């Protein structure tokens, strides 16, 4: 079993930055593919970024490429999402997710690839 707890959300002006963190329990954290998703009101949950178990492989949605960066620190059982140049359309609840079995980076770009989810953290970007 894995428990995920996100933090770091908040209210920021357009053009600003935030760093989200996701702390995970579980002794096998380092073996999990991890991801970030987001869901805005009235919209489906969408992929933001994913990272392989060693951090050597990452994927980012086209809408956030060049602005957001996913990373992980296996020693701290934590992944991060550095968000720069934020836009009002980035406003959403951001969720951290962990895959409980081996998946490809392509599978990691869809919510079905994940077995564990955090409770979410709100990010609001004002114009």
Foldseek 3Di string as FASTA:
>chain_A
DKAKAKDWADEEAAQAKIKMKIAMDDPVLLQKKKFKWWDDPPGDIFGAKIAGSVRPDMDGDPVQPPFWDWGDDVVRRMIMIIGGRDDQVVWTWMKMFIAPDDDDNVLVRDPVRTDDIYPTDTHGYHD
